[in-house]
Amino acid sequence: MAGEKTVSDITFRIRHTMMLVSDLDRSMDFYTRLLGMDVQRIRPNPDKSERVGYVGYGSEDEYPGLELIETGGPGRVKEMPKWHGHVAIFVSDLYRLSAKLKAEGVKFTLGPEPNRPGSQDHVAFIQDPDGYTLELTERHAKSGPPVKIT
């Protein structure tokens, strides 16, 4: 697949970049209507009072996207925190890579662990040397084609 690289039998690909948004509907409209992006998927998360939308060009399984997160409801976030977000990188063997990174002293802020209870998808969050967050994601489920909004 284009945009992938295999190093030591582990395949990597940038999956998405996360951005906190103050109004998910407004942001999704901006990226789809004005920039021609597709809605890759929408994930409500009522337990955390957040909604998550993924936009990009084509399927997130094949091309990088933007993960837009609205927390607390539209307009709840009045001032956007500086440097809030992360880059997600697809990894074909998360647990093997995590063992290697831990041996190198990389700081883990989460995982590795299943993405959700019972999921075959796994996730870990690490920090780079400057403290930026990277999401490492081993996904087996497919997100599917872009969502049609009528």
N, C-alpha and C. Protein backbone atom coordinates (compact mmCIF):
# COMPACT_ATOMS: atom_id res chain seq x y z
N MET A 1 0.85 -1.18 0.00
CA MET A 1 0.00 0.00 0.00
C MET A 1 0.89 1.24 0.00
N ALA A 2 0.49 2.24 -0.74
CA ALA A 2 1.26 3.49 -0.80
C ALA A 2 1.30 4.13 0.58
N GLY A 3 2.43 4.74 0.89
CA GLY A 3 2.56 5.43 2.16
C GLY A 3 2.91 4.54 3.33
N GLU A 4 3.20 3.27 3.06
CA GLU A 4 3.60 2.35 4.12
C GLU A 4 5.09 2.04 4.00
N LYS A 5 5.67 1.65 5.13
CA LYS A 5 7.06 1.22 5.13
C LYS A 5 7.21 0.09 6.14
N THR A 6 7.94 -0.95 5.75
CA THR A 6 8.19 -2.07 6.64
C THR A 6 9.65 -2.01 7.10
N VAL A 7 9.82 -2.04 8.43
CA VAL A 7 11.15 -2.02 9.04
C VAL A 7 11.18 -3.17 10.06
N SER A 8 12.14 -4.05 9.95
CA SER A 8 12.27 -5.20 10.86
C SER A 8 10.97 -5.97 10.97
N ASP A 9 10.32 -6.21 9.84
CA ASP A 9 9.07 -6.98 9.76
C ASP A 9 7.88 -6.34 10.45
N ILE A 10 7.94 -5.02 10.70
CA ILE A 10 6.79 -4.28 11.25
C ILE A 10 6.44 -3.20 10.23
N THR A 11 5.16 -3.16 9.82
CA THR A 11 4.71 -2.20 8.83
C THR A 11 4.12 -0.97 9.51
N PHE A 12 4.48 0.22 9.00
CA PHE A 12 4.03 1.50 9.56
C PHE A 12 3.31 2.31 8.48
N ARG A 13 2.32 3.11 8.90
CA ARG A 13 1.63 4.05 8.02
C ARG A 13 0.96 5.09 8.90
N ILE A 14 1.05 6.37 8.52
CA ILE A 14 0.32 7.40 9.26
C ILE A 14 -1.17 7.18 9.02
N ARG A 15 -1.95 7.09 10.10
CA ARG A 15 -3.38 6.81 10.00
C ARG A 15 -4.21 8.10 10.06
N HIS A 16 -3.99 8.90 11.10
CA HIS A 16 -4.73 10.16 11.21
C HIS A 16 -4.00 11.12 12.13
N THR A 17 -4.40 12.38 12.04
CA THR A 17 -3.96 13.41 12.97
C THR A 17 -5.18 13.88 13.73
N MET A 18 -5.10 13.93 15.06
CA MET A 18 -6.24 14.31 15.89
C MET A 18 -6.20 15.80 16.16
N MET A 19 -7.38 16.41 16.08
CA MET A 19 -7.51 17.83 16.39
C MET A 19 -8.75 18.04 17.24
N LEU A 20 -8.60 18.76 18.34
CA LEU A 20 -9.73 19.15 19.18
C LEU A 20 -10.49 20.25 18.46
N VAL A 21 -11.82 20.13 18.38
CA VAL A 21 -12.64 21.15 17.74
C VAL A 21 -13.73 21.60 18.71
N SER A 22 -14.17 22.84 18.55
CA SER A 22 -15.19 23.37 19.46
C SER A 22 -16.60 23.02 19.01
N ASP A 23 -16.81 22.70 17.72
CA ASP A 23 -18.13 22.35 17.20
C ASP A 23 -17.91 21.35 16.05
N LEU A 24 -18.18 20.07 16.32
CA LEU A 24 -17.92 19.02 15.34
C LEU A 24 -18.70 19.24 14.05
N ASP A 25 -19.98 19.61 14.15
CA ASP A 25 -20.79 19.80 12.94
C ASP A 25 -20.20 20.91 12.07
N ARG A 26 -19.81 22.00 12.68
CA ARG A 26 -19.22 23.12 11.94
C ARG A 26 -17.92 22.69 11.27
N SER A 27 -17.08 21.97 12.01
CA SER A 27 -15.80 21.53 11.46
C SER A 27 -15.98 20.52 10.34
N MET A 28 -16.89 19.56 10.52
CA MET A 28 -17.13 18.57 9.46
C MET A 28 -17.67 19.26 8.21
N ASP A 29 -18.54 20.25 8.38
CA ASP A 29 -19.04 21.01 7.24
C ASP A 29 -17.89 21.71 6.52
N PHE A 30 -16.99 22.34 7.26
CA PHE A 30 -15.86 23.04 6.68
C PHE A 30 -15.01 22.10 5.83
N TYR A 31 -14.61 20.96 6.42
CA TYR A 31 -13.70 20.06 5.72
C TYR A 31 -14.37 19.34 4.54
N THR A 32 -15.66 19.03 4.66
CA THR A 32 -16.32 18.32 3.56
C THR A 32 -16.83 19.28 2.49
N ARG A 33 -17.51 20.32 2.88
CA ARG A 33 -18.12 21.23 1.90
C ARG A 33 -17.09 22.13 1.24
N LEU A 34 -16.15 22.65 2.04
CA LEU A 34 -15.20 23.61 1.48
C LEU A 34 -13.92 22.97 0.95
N LEU A 35 -13.50 21.86 1.55
CA LEU A 35 -12.26 21.23 1.12
C LEU A 35 -12.47 19.90 0.40
N GLY A 36 -13.73 19.50 0.23
CA GLY A 36 -14.05 18.31 -0.56
C GLY A 36 -13.70 16.98 0.09
N MET A 37 -13.47 16.97 1.40
CA MET A 37 -13.14 15.71 2.07
C MET A 37 -14.38 14.84 2.22
N ASP A 38 -14.15 13.54 2.39
CA ASP A 38 -15.21 12.58 2.68
C ASP A 38 -15.32 12.40 4.19
N VAL A 39 -16.52 12.04 4.65
CA VAL A 39 -16.68 11.63 6.04
C VAL A 39 -16.26 10.17 6.08
N GLN A 40 -15.16 9.89 6.75
CA GLN A 40 -14.64 8.52 6.81
C GLN A 40 -15.42 7.68 7.83
N ARG A 41 -15.75 8.29 8.95
CA ARG A 41 -16.60 7.64 9.95
C ARG A 41 -16.95 8.65 11.03
N ILE A 42 -18.00 8.31 11.80
CA ILE A 42 -18.44 9.14 12.93
C ILE A 42 -18.58 8.21 14.12
N ARG A 43 -18.04 8.64 15.26
CA ARG A 43 -18.08 7.79 16.45
C ARG A 43 -18.55 8.61 17.65
N PRO A 44 -19.83 8.44 18.05
CA PRO A 44 -20.26 9.11 19.27
C PRO A 44 -19.64 8.40 20.48
N ASN A 45 -19.35 9.16 21.51
CA ASN A 45 -18.76 8.59 22.72
C ASN A 45 -19.45 9.26 23.91
N PRO A 46 -20.74 8.91 24.16
CA PRO A 46 -21.49 9.59 25.21
C PRO A 46 -20.92 9.40 26.61
N ASP A 47 -20.22 8.29 26.86
CA ASP A 47 -19.63 8.07 28.18
C ASP A 47 -18.60 9.14 28.53
N LYS A 48 -17.96 9.72 27.51
CA LYS A 48 -16.96 10.76 27.73
C LYS A 48 -17.49 12.14 27.31
N SER A 49 -18.79 12.24 27.01
CA SER A 49 -19.40 13.50 26.54
C SER A 49 -18.62 14.06 25.36
N GLU A 50 -18.33 13.20 24.39
CA GLU A 50 -17.63 13.67 23.21
C GLU A 50 -18.19 13.01 21.96
N ARG A 51 -17.97 13.67 20.82
CA ARG A 51 -18.29 13.13 19.51
C ARG A 51 -17.02 13.21 18.68
N VAL A 52 -16.81 12.18 17.86
CA VAL A 52 -15.60 12.11 17.07
C VAL A 52 -15.99 11.87 15.62
N GLY A 53 -15.43 12.69 14.73
CA GLY A 53 -15.64 12.52 13.30
C GLY A 53 -14.30 12.39 12.60
N TYR A 54 -14.25 11.54 11.61
CA TYR A 54 -13.03 11.35 10.83
C TYR A 54 -13.32 11.81 9.40
N VAL A 55 -12.47 12.67 8.86
CA VAL A 55 -12.62 13.16 7.50
C VAL A 55 -11.30 13.00 6.76
N GLY A 56 -11.40 12.90 5.46
CA GLY A 56 -10.20 12.77 4.62
C GLY A 56 -10.63 12.50 3.20
N TYR A 57 -9.70 12.12 2.39
CA TYR A 57 -9.97 11.83 0.99
C TYR A 57 -9.93 10.32 0.80
N GLY A 58 -11.11 9.69 0.71
CA GLY A 58 -11.19 8.24 0.62
C GLY A 58 -11.28 7.60 1.99
N SER A 59 -11.02 6.30 2.05
CA SER A 59 -11.15 5.51 3.26
C SER A 59 -9.94 5.68 4.17
N GLU A 60 -10.18 5.75 5.48
CA GLU A 60 -9.10 5.84 6.46
C GLU A 60 -8.24 4.57 6.46
N ASP A 61 -8.79 3.47 5.95
CA ASP A 61 -8.02 2.23 5.87
C ASP A 61 -6.92 2.33 4.82
N GLU A 62 -7.07 3.28 3.89
CA GLU A 62 -6.10 3.42 2.81
C GLU A 62 -5.34 4.74 2.82
N TYR A 63 -5.96 5.81 3.35
CA TYR A 63 -5.38 7.13 3.28
C TYR A 63 -5.46 7.82 4.64
N PRO A 64 -4.51 8.68 4.96
CA PRO A 64 -4.56 9.40 6.24
C PRO A 64 -5.79 10.30 6.32
N GLY A 65 -6.24 10.53 7.53
CA GLY A 65 -7.39 11.40 7.76
C GLY A 65 -7.15 12.33 8.93
N LEU A 66 -8.17 13.12 9.20
CA LEU A 66 -8.18 13.99 10.37
C LEU A 66 -9.23 13.47 11.34
N GLU A 67 -8.85 13.29 12.59
CA GLU A 67 -9.78 12.89 13.65
C GLU A 67 -10.17 14.18 14.37
N LEU A 68 -11.45 14.54 14.29
CA LEU A 68 -11.95 15.77 14.90
C LEU A 68 -12.74 15.39 16.14
N ILE A 69 -12.32 15.90 17.30
CA ILE A 69 -12.96 15.54 18.57
C ILE A 69 -13.61 16.76 19.19
N GLU A 70 -14.92 16.65 19.44
CA GLU A 70 -15.67 17.68 20.17
C GLU A 70 -15.96 17.10 21.55
N THR A 71 -15.55 17.80 22.58
CA THR A 71 -15.75 17.30 23.94
C THR A 71 -16.65 18.25 24.72
N GLY A 72 -17.65 17.68 25.41
CA GLY A 72 -18.53 18.48 26.24
C GLY A 72 -19.68 19.13 25.52
N GLY A 73 -19.81 18.93 24.21
CA GLY A 73 -20.90 19.53 23.44
C GLY A 73 -20.44 20.73 22.64
N PRO A 74 -21.23 21.11 21.63
CA PRO A 74 -20.86 22.25 20.78
C PRO A 74 -20.65 23.52 21.60
N GLY A 75 -19.57 24.23 21.33
CA GLY A 75 -19.30 25.49 22.00
C GLY A 75 -18.75 25.38 23.40
N ARG A 76 -18.60 24.18 23.91
CA ARG A 76 -18.13 23.99 25.28
C ARG A 76 -16.68 24.47 25.46
N VAL A 77 -15.85 24.18 24.47
CA VAL A 77 -14.45 24.60 24.52
C VAL A 77 -14.37 26.01 23.95
N LYS A 78 -14.14 26.99 24.81
CA LYS A 78 -14.10 28.40 24.39
C LYS A 78 -12.74 28.79 23.83
N GLU A 79 -11.68 28.29 24.46
CA GLU A 79 -10.33 28.60 24.00
C GLU A 79 -9.60 27.29 23.77
N MET A 80 -9.11 27.10 22.56
CA MET A 80 -8.45 25.86 22.21
C MET A 80 -7.08 25.79 22.90
N PRO A 81 -6.80 24.69 23.60
CA PRO A 81 -5.48 24.54 24.21
C PRO A 81 -4.39 24.53 23.14
N LYS A 82 -3.28 25.14 23.43
CA LYS A 82 -2.17 25.13 22.48
C LYS A 82 -1.57 23.72 22.40
N TRP A 83 -1.20 23.33 21.20
CA TRP A 83 -0.53 22.06 20.93
C TRP A 83 -1.35 20.85 21.34
N HIS A 84 -2.67 20.94 21.29
CA HIS A 84 -3.50 19.81 21.67
C HIS A 84 -3.77 18.94 20.44
N GLY A 85 -3.35 17.70 20.49
CA GLY A 85 -3.59 16.77 19.40
C GLY A 85 -2.54 15.68 19.40
N HIS A 86 -2.68 14.78 18.43
CA HIS A 86 -1.70 13.70 18.30
C HIS A 86 -1.69 13.20 16.87
N VAL A 87 -0.65 12.48 16.53
CA VAL A 87 -0.54 11.81 15.24
C VAL A 87 -0.69 10.32 15.50
N ALA A 88 -1.51 9.65 14.68
CA ALA A 88 -1.70 8.20 14.82
C ALA A 88 -0.90 7.49 13.73
N ILE A 89 -0.20 6.45 14.13
CA ILE A 89 0.61 5.67 13.21
C ILE A 89 0.15 4.22 13.27
N PHE A 90 -0.22 3.68 12.10
CA PHE A 90 -0.57 2.27 12.01
C PHE A 90 0.68 1.43 12.22
N VAL A 91 0.54 0.37 13.01
CA VAL A 91 1.65 -0.55 13.31
C VAL A 91 1.11 -1.97 13.14
N SER A 92 1.83 -2.82 12.43
CA SER A 92 1.33 -4.17 12.19
C SER A 92 1.50 -5.11 13.39
N ASP A 93 2.42 -4.82 14.31
CA ASP A 93 2.65 -5.66 15.49
C ASP A 93 2.93 -4.76 16.69
N LEU A 94 1.87 -4.27 17.32
CA LEU A 94 1.98 -3.27 18.39
C LEU A 94 2.73 -3.80 19.61
N TYR A 95 2.48 -5.03 19.99
CA TYR A 95 3.09 -5.54 21.22
C TYR A 95 4.59 -5.77 21.04
N ARG A 96 5.00 -6.23 19.88
CA ARG A 96 6.43 -6.42 19.63
C ARG A 96 7.13 -5.06 19.58
N LEU A 97 6.52 -4.10 18.91
CA LEU A 97 7.10 -2.76 18.86
C LEU A 97 7.14 -2.13 20.25
N SER A 98 6.08 -2.31 21.04
CA SER A 98 6.03 -1.73 22.38
C SER A 98 7.15 -2.27 23.26
N ALA A 99 7.43 -3.56 23.15
CA ALA A 99 8.53 -4.15 23.93
C ALA A 99 9.85 -3.49 23.54
N LYS A 100 10.04 -3.28 22.24
CA LYS A 100 11.27 -2.63 21.77
C LYS A 100 11.37 -1.20 22.28
N LEU A 101 10.26 -0.45 22.21
CA LEU A 101 10.26 0.94 22.65
C LEU A 101 10.48 1.06 24.15
N LYS A 102 9.85 0.18 24.92
CA LYS A 102 10.05 0.20 26.37
C LYS A 102 11.50 -0.07 26.73
N ALA A 103 12.12 -1.00 26.00
CA ALA A 103 13.53 -1.30 26.24
C ALA A 103 14.43 -0.10 25.94
N GLU A 104 13.94 0.79 25.06
CA GLU A 104 14.68 2.01 24.71
C GLU A 104 14.34 3.18 25.63
N GLY A 105 13.44 2.94 26.62
CA GLY A 105 13.09 3.99 27.57
C GLY A 105 12.02 4.95 27.11
N VAL A 106 11.27 4.61 26.06
CA VAL A 106 10.20 5.49 25.57
C VAL A 106 9.08 5.53 26.60
N LYS A 107 8.55 6.73 26.86
CA LYS A 107 7.47 6.91 27.84
C LYS A 107 6.13 6.55 27.22
N PHE A 108 5.41 5.62 27.86
CA PHE A 108 4.06 5.23 27.45
C PHE A 108 3.07 5.95 28.37
N THR A 109 2.06 6.56 27.79
CA THR A 109 1.01 7.18 28.59
C THR A 109 -0.24 6.30 28.64
N LEU A 110 -0.30 5.29 27.74
CA LEU A 110 -1.40 4.33 27.73
C LEU A 110 -0.96 3.09 26.97
N GLY A 111 -1.34 1.93 27.50
CA GLY A 111 -1.19 0.68 26.79
C GLY A 111 0.23 0.17 26.66
N PRO A 112 0.36 -0.82 25.79
CA PRO A 112 -0.59 -1.25 24.78
C PRO A 112 -1.74 -2.04 25.39
N GLU A 113 -2.90 -1.89 24.75
CA GLU A 113 -4.12 -2.55 25.25
C GLU A 113 -5.16 -2.55 24.14
N PRO A 114 -6.23 -3.36 24.31
CA PRO A 114 -7.31 -3.32 23.32
C PRO A 114 -7.90 -1.91 23.24
N ASN A 115 -8.28 -1.53 22.03
CA ASN A 115 -8.86 -0.20 21.81
C ASN A 115 -10.16 -0.03 22.58
N ARG A 116 -10.97 -1.07 22.62
CA ARG A 116 -12.22 -1.11 23.37
C ARG A 116 -12.37 -2.52 23.92
N PRO A 117 -13.15 -2.73 24.97
CA PRO A 117 -13.30 -4.08 25.51
C PRO A 117 -13.74 -5.07 24.41
N GLY A 118 -13.02 -6.17 24.32
CA GLY A 118 -13.35 -7.21 23.35
C GLY A 118 -12.87 -6.94 21.93
N SER A 119 -12.23 -5.81 21.70
CA SER A 119 -11.80 -5.44 20.35
C SER A 119 -10.52 -6.19 19.97
N GLN A 120 -10.38 -6.51 18.69
CA GLN A 120 -9.14 -7.08 18.17
C GLN A 120 -8.16 -5.99 17.80
N ASP A 121 -8.62 -4.73 17.83
CA ASP A 121 -7.77 -3.59 17.55
C ASP A 121 -7.08 -3.18 18.85
N HIS A 122 -5.81 -2.78 18.75
CA HIS A 122 -5.02 -2.44 19.93
C HIS A 122 -4.41 -1.06 19.76
N VAL A 123 -4.15 -0.40 20.89
CA VAL A 123 -3.66 0.97 20.87
C VAL A 123 -2.65 1.19 22.00
N ALA A 124 -1.73 2.09 21.75
CA ALA A 124 -0.81 2.57 22.79
C ALA A 124 -0.53 4.03 22.49
N PHE A 125 -0.31 4.82 23.52
CA PHE A 125 0.08 6.21 23.36
C PHE A 125 1.46 6.37 23.98
N ILE A 126 2.34 7.02 23.22
CA ILE A 126 3.71 7.27 23.69
C ILE A 126 4.01 8.75 23.53
N GLN A 127 5.12 9.17 24.12
CA GLN A 127 5.57 10.55 23.94
C GLN A 127 6.90 10.55 23.22
N ASP A 128 7.04 11.50 22.29
CA ASP A 128 8.32 11.66 21.61
C ASP A 128 9.25 12.45 22.53
N PRO A 129 10.50 12.67 22.13
CA PRO A 129 11.44 13.36 23.02
C PRO A 129 11.03 14.77 23.45
N ASP A 130 10.14 15.43 22.66
CA ASP A 130 9.67 16.77 23.02
C ASP A 130 8.35 16.75 23.77
N GLY A 131 7.82 15.55 24.05
CA GLY A 131 6.57 15.44 24.77
C GLY A 131 5.32 15.39 23.90
N TYR A 132 5.49 15.38 22.56
CA TYR A 132 4.33 15.25 21.69
C TYR A 132 3.79 13.84 21.76
N THR A 133 2.49 13.71 21.69
CA THR A 133 1.84 12.41 21.79
C THR A 133 1.75 11.73 20.43
N LEU A 134 2.10 10.44 20.41
CA LEU A 134 1.92 9.61 19.23
C LEU A 134 1.02 8.44 19.62
N GLU A 135 0.02 8.18 18.80
CA GLU A 135 -0.85 7.01 18.98
C GLU A 135 -0.33 5.92 18.07
N LEU A 136 -0.07 4.76 18.64
CA LEU A 136 0.31 3.59 17.86
C LEU A 136 -0.90 2.68 17.81
N THR A 137 -1.37 2.36 16.61
CA THR A 137 -2.61 1.62 16.50
C THR A 137 -2.44 0.40 15.60
N GLU A 138 -2.77 -0.76 16.15
CA GLU A 138 -2.81 -2.01 15.38
C GLU A 138 -4.27 -2.32 15.15
N ARG A 139 -4.70 -2.14 13.92
CA ARG A 139 -6.12 -2.32 13.60
C ARG A 139 -6.30 -3.54 12.71
N HIS A 140 -7.31 -4.32 13.06
CA HIS A 140 -7.70 -5.48 12.25
C HIS A 140 -9.06 -5.25 11.63
N ALA A 141 -9.90 -4.43 12.29
CA ALA A 141 -11.21 -4.08 11.74
C ALA A 141 -11.00 -3.02 10.66
N LYS A 142 -11.86 -3.00 9.70
CA LYS A 142 -11.81 -2.00 8.65
C LYS A 142 -12.87 -0.95 8.93
N SER A 143 -12.55 0.30 8.61
CA SER A 143 -13.50 1.39 8.80
C SER A 143 -14.53 1.43 7.68
N GLY A 144 -14.17 0.90 6.52
CA GLY A 144 -15.08 0.85 5.39
C GLY A 144 -15.00 2.09 4.53
N PRO A 145 -15.89 2.15 3.52
CA PRO A 145 -15.85 3.28 2.59
C PRO A 145 -16.34 4.56 3.26
N PRO A 146 -16.11 5.70 2.62
CA PRO A 146 -16.61 6.96 3.17
C PRO A 146 -18.12 6.91 3.41
N VAL A 147 -18.59 7.66 4.41
CA VAL A 147 -20.00 7.71 4.79
C VAL A 147 -20.71 8.71 3.88
N LYS A 148 -21.87 8.33 3.36
CA LYS A 148 -22.69 9.24 2.54
C LYS A 148 -23.62 10.02 3.46
N ILE A 149 -23.54 11.35 3.43
CA ILE A 149 -24.41 12.18 4.24
C ILE A 149 -25.42 12.83 3.32
N THR A 150 -26.69 12.70 3.69
CA THR A 150 -27.74 13.27 2.83
C THR A 150 -28.34 14.49 3.44
